[in-house]
Amino acid sequence: MAEHRLVTTSAGRIHLVEQGEGPLVLLVHGFPESWYSWRHQLPVLAAAGYRVAAIDVQGYGRSSKPGDLSAYRMLNLVEDNVAVVQALGEQTAVIIGHDWGANIAADSALLRPDVFSAVGLLSVPYAPRGGPRPSEIFAQIGGPEQEFYVSYFQEPGRAEAEIEPDVRGWLAGFYAALSADTMPSADAPDPHFVSPGGKLRDRFPADRQPTWLTNDDLDVYATEFERTGLSGGLARYRNMDRDWEDLAAHDGAPITQPSLFIGGELDASTTWMADAIKAYPETLPGLVSSHILEGCGHWIQQERRDEVNELLTSWLSSLPAERRV
């Protein structure tokens, strides 16, 4: 059975859900989710012989929510992951992340190869630090007629004013907008952009719920965000320039540990970053396998749980014994 725990970190506390015995596998969620997005992986990986811990990232769920925006910088989130491994009495772990969790997992592996022996990335490819300041790049993507969602999220308080009056409805629309079976058609307005004077949810599908998302699932997510608010989760977007500065010494750096990538064919994170995937021979020289799931959207481990579980267990079993302890 899965067990809820709180462990101490420099940020205060990290909440996690743990199941199984064996080599430690740390699961890191993205936005706007929680440990619950790994509910289909926890029992399967535990049954395969692993001790699995799915965390609430700082700012989410029952984990600490610092008031200082800079507390959510990537360096601190990496420290949190190291602290979790140590609090669980282990010295090393395999780390797997989805969405923002993929970035957190990648940087954890990059900065602490002594702790994270292998890394799995879901939905968001690894792209080494480099190029211009992130906020400058994102400001140019939308152009004068629409604003890119990342820029929209970066302004403190702005997205909260849209989301928090109707957390459940907003989450339902956001999940639907990026799910394969409910996303807008190719000729509809892109839900990754905001029209001048509008809101992001203006482009979300209405009255459509993805098949992977039950009402009970939606209740779990909504209840947590209604309690915590969205600022903790949105803080990740608001630290991108700070992360770019913090990681300057790692410009262009590859991740050399054994790695895995799984993306969705219909996920903008995969299609927009196709060049990052092509660069894997240089940026992920330890890549064991890379997969694009046909007809899959962004919420990959929930949309296609069985395929993802099979790929994860196969990859984990392929790792050298010294990488799994």
Protein backbone atom coordinates (compact mmCIF):
# COMPACT_ATOMS: atom_id res chain seq x y z
CA MET A 1 0.00 0.00 0.00
CA ALA A 2 1.08 3.55 -0.69
CA GLU A 3 2.14 5.61 2.34
CA HIS A 4 2.09 9.40 2.72
CA ARG A 5 5.14 10.97 4.36
CA LEU A 6 6.56 14.39 5.13
CA VAL A 7 10.35 14.82 4.98
CA THR A 8 12.43 17.82 6.00
CA THR A 9 14.35 19.92 3.47
CA SER A 10 15.97 23.34 3.50
CA ALA A 11 12.65 24.69 2.22
CA GLY A 12 10.78 23.22 5.17
CA ARG A 13 9.02 20.03 4.12
CA ILE A 14 8.30 17.89 1.09
CA HIS A 15 5.24 15.67 1.00
CA LEU A 16 5.60 12.38 -0.84
CA VAL A 17 3.74 9.17 -1.44
CA GLU A 18 5.88 6.03 -1.20
CA GLN A 19 5.28 2.45 -2.22
CA GLY A 20 7.37 -0.71 -2.62
CA GLU A 21 10.82 -1.92 -1.68
CA GLY A 22 14.06 -1.99 -3.64
CA PRO A 23 16.15 0.59 -5.49
CA LEU A 24 14.74 4.11 -5.08
CA VAL A 25 12.89 5.78 -7.98
CA LEU A 26 11.89 9.43 -7.45
CA LEU A 27 8.91 10.74 -9.46
CA VAL A 28 8.54 14.50 -10.07
CA HIS A 29 5.32 16.02 -11.42
CA GLY A 30 4.69 19.11 -13.54
CA PHE A 31 2.18 21.98 -13.76
CA PRO A 32 -0.61 22.00 -12.70
CA GLU A 33 -0.47 18.62 -11.03
CA SER A 34 0.80 16.87 -7.88
CA TRP A 35 2.10 13.50 -6.74
CA TYR A 36 -1.31 12.21 -7.84
CA SER A 37 -0.33 12.38 -11.51
CA TRP A 38 1.84 9.29 -10.83
CA ARG A 39 -1.01 7.27 -9.28
CA HIS A 40 -0.89 4.73 -12.13
CA GLN A 41 2.89 4.29 -11.93
CA LEU A 42 3.32 3.86 -8.16
CA PRO A 43 1.82 0.37 -7.82
CA VAL A 44 3.27 -0.92 -11.10
CA LEU A 45 6.85 0.17 -10.36
CA ALA A 46 6.51 -1.08 -6.79
CA ALA A 47 5.37 -4.47 -8.09
CA ALA A 48 8.38 -4.50 -10.41
CA GLY A 49 10.73 -4.37 -7.42
CA TYR A 50 11.33 -0.68 -6.80
CA ARG A 51 10.86 1.67 -3.90
CA VAL A 52 8.93 4.51 -5.55
CA ALA A 53 8.43 7.99 -4.10
CA ALA A 54 6.21 10.55 -5.85
CA ILE A 55 6.69 14.03 -4.41
CA ASP A 56 4.66 17.19 -4.24
CA VAL A 57 7.12 19.74 -5.63
CA GLN A 58 7.74 22.75 -3.40
CA GLY A 59 4.73 25.08 -3.66
CA TYR A 60 2.28 22.26 -4.38
CA GLY A 61 -0.01 20.10 -2.28
CA ARG A 62 1.22 19.46 1.24
CA SER A 63 4.81 20.55 0.61
CA SER A 64 6.10 23.90 1.87
CA LYS A 65 5.08 27.05 0.04
CA PRO A 66 7.71 29.75 0.67
CA GLY A 67 6.64 33.37 0.29
CA ASP A 68 9.86 34.42 -1.42
CA LEU A 69 9.66 33.88 -5.19
CA SER A 70 13.38 33.19 -5.46
CA ALA A 71 12.94 30.20 -3.13
CA TYR A 72 11.49 28.31 -6.13
CA ARG A 73 14.65 28.59 -8.24
CA MET A 74 15.86 25.38 -9.85
CA LEU A 75 18.89 25.10 -7.57
CA ASN A 76 16.57 24.87 -4.56
CA LEU A 77 14.34 22.26 -6.19
CA VAL A 78 17.40 20.13 -6.93
CA GLU A 79 18.41 20.46 -3.28
CA ASP A 80 14.91 19.34 -2.28
CA ASN A 81 15.28 16.18 -4.36
CA VAL A 82 18.65 15.40 -2.82
CA ALA A 83 17.17 15.97 0.65
CA VAL A 84 14.32 13.56 -0.14
CA VAL A 85 16.78 10.84 -1.17
CA GLN A 86 18.76 11.34 2.03
CA ALA A 87 15.65 11.50 4.22
CA LEU A 88 14.58 8.14 2.82
CA GLY A 89 17.90 6.69 3.95
CA GLU A 90 19.33 6.28 0.47
CA GLN A 91 22.44 7.61 -1.23
CA THR A 92 21.31 7.40 -4.86
CA ALA A 93 18.11 7.23 -6.88
CA VAL A 94 16.79 7.09 -10.40
CA ILE A 95 14.80 10.26 -11.09
CA ILE A 96 11.87 10.53 -13.52
CA GLY A 97 9.94 13.71 -14.29
CA HIS A 98 7.02 14.92 -16.38
CA ASP A 99 6.47 18.42 -17.81
CA TRP A 100 8.24 20.86 -15.44
CA GLY A 101 9.20 17.77 -13.51
CA ALA A 102 11.23 16.67 -16.54
CA ASN A 103 13.24 19.88 -16.34
CA ILE A 104 13.68 19.44 -12.59
CA ALA A 105 14.75 15.82 -13.08
CA ALA A 106 17.18 16.76 -15.85
CA ASP A 107 18.82 19.49 -13.80
CA SER A 108 18.95 17.21 -10.76
CA ALA A 109 20.86 14.67 -12.84
CA LEU A 110 23.07 17.38 -14.33
CA LEU A 111 23.98 19.05 -11.06
CA ARG A 112 24.09 16.00 -8.78
CA PRO A 113 25.29 13.00 -10.80
CA ASP A 114 26.61 11.58 -7.53
CA VAL A 115 23.02 11.19 -6.31
CA PHE A 116 20.93 10.68 -9.45
CA SER A 117 22.23 7.67 -11.32
CA ALA A 118 19.77 7.72 -14.23
CA VAL A 119 17.08 10.08 -15.51
CA GLY A 120 13.76 9.61 -17.30
CA LEU A 121 12.08 12.52 -19.07
CA LEU A 122 8.40 12.56 -20.02
CA SER A 123 6.85 15.06 -22.47
CA VAL A 124 9.50 17.80 -22.23
CA PRO A 125 12.82 17.03 -23.97
CA TYR A 126 16.15 17.94 -22.44
CA ALA A 127 17.60 21.16 -23.85
CA PRO A 128 20.85 22.40 -22.26
CA ARG A 129 21.01 25.90 -20.86
CA GLY A 130 21.99 28.43 -23.52
CA GLY A 131 20.85 31.20 -25.80
CA PRO A 132 19.28 34.53 -24.82
CA ARG A 133 17.45 35.23 -21.59
CA PRO A 134 14.28 33.07 -21.55
CA SER A 135 11.85 35.95 -20.97
CA GLU A 136 13.18 37.66 -24.10
CA ILE A 137 12.62 34.53 -26.18
CA PHE A 138 9.07 33.96 -24.95
CA ALA A 139 8.11 37.61 -25.46
CA GLN A 140 8.90 37.22 -29.16
CA ILE A 141 6.92 34.01 -29.72
CA GLY A 142 3.40 35.43 -29.66
CA GLY A 143 3.88 38.62 -31.61
CA PRO A 144 1.57 41.64 -31.40
CA GLU A 145 -1.69 39.70 -31.89
CA GLN A 146 -1.32 37.10 -29.13
CA GLU A 147 0.79 36.41 -26.05
CA PHE A 148 2.57 33.14 -25.33
CA TYR A 149 1.26 31.40 -22.23
CA VAL A 150 4.69 31.34 -20.54
CA SER A 151 4.91 35.14 -20.67
CA TYR A 152 1.34 35.30 -19.36
CA PHE A 153 2.25 33.03 -16.43
CA GLN A 154 5.41 34.98 -15.60
CA GLU A 155 3.64 38.09 -14.34
CA PRO A 156 2.84 37.58 -10.61
CA GLY A 157 -0.85 37.62 -9.83
CA ARG A 158 -2.10 37.78 -13.39
CA ALA A 159 -2.84 34.11 -14.01
CA GLU A 160 -4.03 33.67 -10.42
CA ALA A 161 -6.73 36.28 -11.08
CA GLU A 162 -7.99 34.14 -13.93
CA ILE A 163 -7.69 30.72 -12.32
CA GLU A 164 -8.51 31.02 -8.64
CA PRO A 165 -12.17 32.17 -8.91
CA ASP A 166 -12.94 28.84 -10.63
CA VAL A 167 -10.07 26.44 -10.01
CA ARG A 168 -11.96 23.28 -10.95
CA GLY A 169 -13.35 24.69 -14.18
CA TRP A 170 -10.00 26.15 -15.22
CA LEU A 171 -8.12 22.93 -14.53
CA ALA A 172 -10.69 20.89 -16.45
CA GLY A 173 -10.26 23.18 -19.45
CA PHE A 174 -6.48 23.19 -19.26
CA TYR A 175 -6.26 19.41 -19.05
CA ALA A 176 -8.69 19.08 -21.97
CA ALA A 177 -6.79 21.59 -24.08
CA LEU A 178 -3.63 19.47 -24.00
CA SER A 179 -5.18 15.97 -24.11
CA ALA A 180 -5.22 14.05 -27.38
CA ASP A 181 -8.93 13.22 -27.29
CA THR A 182 -10.19 16.69 -26.38
CA MET A 183 -7.64 19.23 -27.67
CA PRO A 184 -8.85 21.90 -30.13
CA SER A 185 -8.62 21.11 -33.83
CA ALA A 186 -5.59 22.31 -35.76
CA ASP A 187 -7.57 25.19 -37.30
CA ALA A 188 -8.91 26.44 -33.92
CA PRO A 189 -7.16 29.16 -31.89
CA ASP A 190 -4.10 27.71 -30.17
CA PRO A 191 -4.70 27.32 -26.40
CA HIS A 192 -1.03 28.08 -25.71
CA PHE A 193 -1.67 31.75 -26.50
CA VAL A 194 -3.72 34.58 -25.01
CA SER A 195 -5.56 37.15 -27.13
CA PRO A 196 -5.07 40.84 -26.24
CA GLY A 197 -7.29 41.65 -23.26
CA GLY A 198 -8.39 38.03 -23.02
CA LYS A 199 -7.73 35.03 -20.82
CA LEU A 200 -5.99 31.75 -21.47
CA ARG A 201 -9.19 29.81 -20.81
CA ASP A 202 -10.94 31.61 -23.67
CA ARG A 203 -9.31 29.05 -25.96
CA PHE A 204 -9.94 25.97 -23.84
CA PRO A 205 -12.44 23.36 -25.05
CA ALA A 206 -15.84 23.70 -23.42
CA ASP A 207 -17.87 20.81 -22.00
CA ARG A 208 -15.29 18.17 -22.91
CA GLN A 209 -13.45 16.01 -20.42
CA PRO A 210 -10.54 13.72 -21.36
CA THR A 211 -11.19 10.01 -21.00
CA TRP A 212 -8.23 9.65 -18.64
CA LEU A 213 -9.66 12.23 -16.21
CA THR A 214 -12.54 11.11 -13.99
CA ASN A 215 -14.58 13.51 -11.90
CA ASP A 216 -12.90 12.06 -8.84
CA ASP A 217 -9.47 12.73 -10.34
CA LEU A 218 -10.46 16.30 -11.09
CA ASP A 219 -11.74 16.70 -7.54
CA VAL A 220 -8.34 15.62 -6.16
CA TYR A 221 -6.46 18.19 -8.22
CA ALA A 222 -9.00 20.98 -7.66
CA THR A 223 -9.20 20.43 -3.92
CA GLU A 224 -5.43 20.79 -3.54
CA PHE A 225 -5.20 23.96 -5.66
CA GLU A 226 -8.26 25.51 -4.02
CA ARG A 227 -6.43 25.07 -0.72
CA THR A 228 -2.96 26.19 -1.79
CA GLY A 229 -3.69 28.62 -4.61
CA LEU A 230 -1.69 28.61 -7.84
CA SER A 231 1.21 30.92 -6.97
CA GLY A 232 3.48 28.09 -5.82
CA GLY A 233 3.07 26.21 -9.08
CA LEU A 234 3.36 29.33 -11.24
CA ALA A 235 6.57 30.29 -9.42
CA ARG A 236 8.41 27.84 -11.66
CA TYR A 237 7.66 30.02 -14.70
CA ARG A 238 8.68 33.12 -12.76
CA ASN A 239 12.16 31.80 -12.01
CA MET A 240 13.22 30.95 -15.56
CA ASP A 241 15.49 33.98 -15.93
CA ARG A 242 16.94 33.35 -12.48
CA ASP A 243 17.62 29.72 -13.42
CA TRP A 244 19.29 30.88 -16.64
CA GLU A 245 21.63 33.02 -14.55
CA ASP A 246 22.22 30.36 -11.89
CA LEU A 247 23.13 27.68 -14.45
CA ALA A 248 25.47 29.81 -16.57
CA ALA A 249 28.42 27.55 -15.74
CA HIS A 250 26.54 24.62 -17.31
CA ASP A 251 25.87 26.26 -20.67
CA GLY A 252 25.44 23.53 -23.29
CA ALA A 253 26.25 20.77 -20.78
CA PRO A 254 25.19 17.21 -21.63
CA ILE A 255 23.66 14.73 -19.19
CA THR A 256 25.78 11.60 -19.32
CA GLN A 257 23.85 9.18 -17.08
CA PRO A 258 21.61 6.52 -18.65
CA SER A 259 18.44 8.29 -19.80
CA LEU A 260 15.00 7.75 -21.29
CA PHE A 261 12.63 10.05 -23.18
CA ILE A 262 8.94 9.50 -23.85
CA GLY A 263 6.92 12.11 -25.72
CA GLY A 264 3.42 12.44 -27.16
CA GLU A 265 3.00 12.80 -30.91
CA LEU A 266 0.34 15.51 -30.47
CA ASP A 267 2.04 17.33 -27.60
CA ALA A 268 3.35 20.80 -28.42
CA SER A 269 6.20 20.22 -25.95
CA THR A 270 7.42 17.46 -28.26
CA THR A 271 6.73 19.06 -31.63
CA TRP A 272 8.06 22.52 -30.77
CA MET A 273 11.23 20.99 -29.34
CA ALA A 274 11.89 18.55 -32.16
CA ASP A 275 15.39 20.00 -32.62
CA ALA A 276 16.17 19.22 -28.96
CA ILE A 277 15.22 15.59 -29.57
CA LYS A 278 17.41 15.47 -32.69
CA ALA A 279 20.32 16.76 -30.59
CA TYR A 280 20.13 13.87 -28.10
CA PRO A 281 23.29 12.15 -29.40
CA GLU A 282 25.20 15.20 -28.12
CA THR A 283 23.01 16.34 -25.20
CA LEU A 284 22.00 12.90 -23.83
CA PRO A 285 24.92 10.63 -24.79
CA GLY A 286 23.69 8.05 -22.27
CA LEU A 287 20.25 7.78 -23.90
CA VAL A 288 18.98 4.21 -23.68
CA SER A 289 15.75 4.70 -25.61
CA SER A 290 13.50 7.45 -26.98
CA HIS A 291 9.82 7.02 -27.79
CA ILE A 292 7.08 9.14 -29.37
CA LEU A 293 3.65 7.73 -28.56
CA GLU A 294 1.34 7.97 -31.56
CA GLY A 295 -1.86 9.91 -30.97
CA CYS A 296 -0.86 10.95 -27.45
CA GLY A 297 -1.12 14.40 -25.89
CA HIS A 298 0.69 16.07 -23.02
CA TRP A 299 -0.51 14.20 -19.89
CA ILE A 300 1.39 11.19 -21.03
CA GLN A 301 1.58 8.94 -17.96
CA GLN A 302 -2.15 9.42 -17.40
CA GLU A 303 -3.33 9.31 -21.02
CA ARG A 304 -1.32 6.20 -21.86
CA ARG A 305 -0.57 4.65 -18.50
CA ASP A 306 -0.09 1.07 -19.70
CA GLU A 307 2.39 1.98 -22.45
CA VAL A 308 4.29 4.35 -20.21
CA ASN A 309 4.42 1.79 -17.41
CA GLU A 310 5.79 -0.81 -19.78
CA LEU A 311 8.43 1.57 -21.12
CA LEU A 312 9.47 2.68 -17.64
CA THR A 313 9.77 -0.84 -16.21
CA SER A 314 11.66 -2.03 -19.30
CA TRP A 315 14.09 0.89 -19.08
CA LEU A 316 14.61 0.49 -15.34
CA SER A 317 15.31 -3.23 -15.72
CA SER A 318 17.87 -2.47 -18.45
CA LEU A 319 19.96 -0.23 -16.19
CA PRO A 320 23.22 -1.69 -14.89
CA ALA A 321 22.88 -2.98 -11.33
CA GLU A 322 25.11 -0.22 -9.99
CA ARG A 323 22.69 2.36 -11.43
CA ARG A 324 19.73 0.91 -9.54
CA VAL A 325 21.17 1.00 -6.01
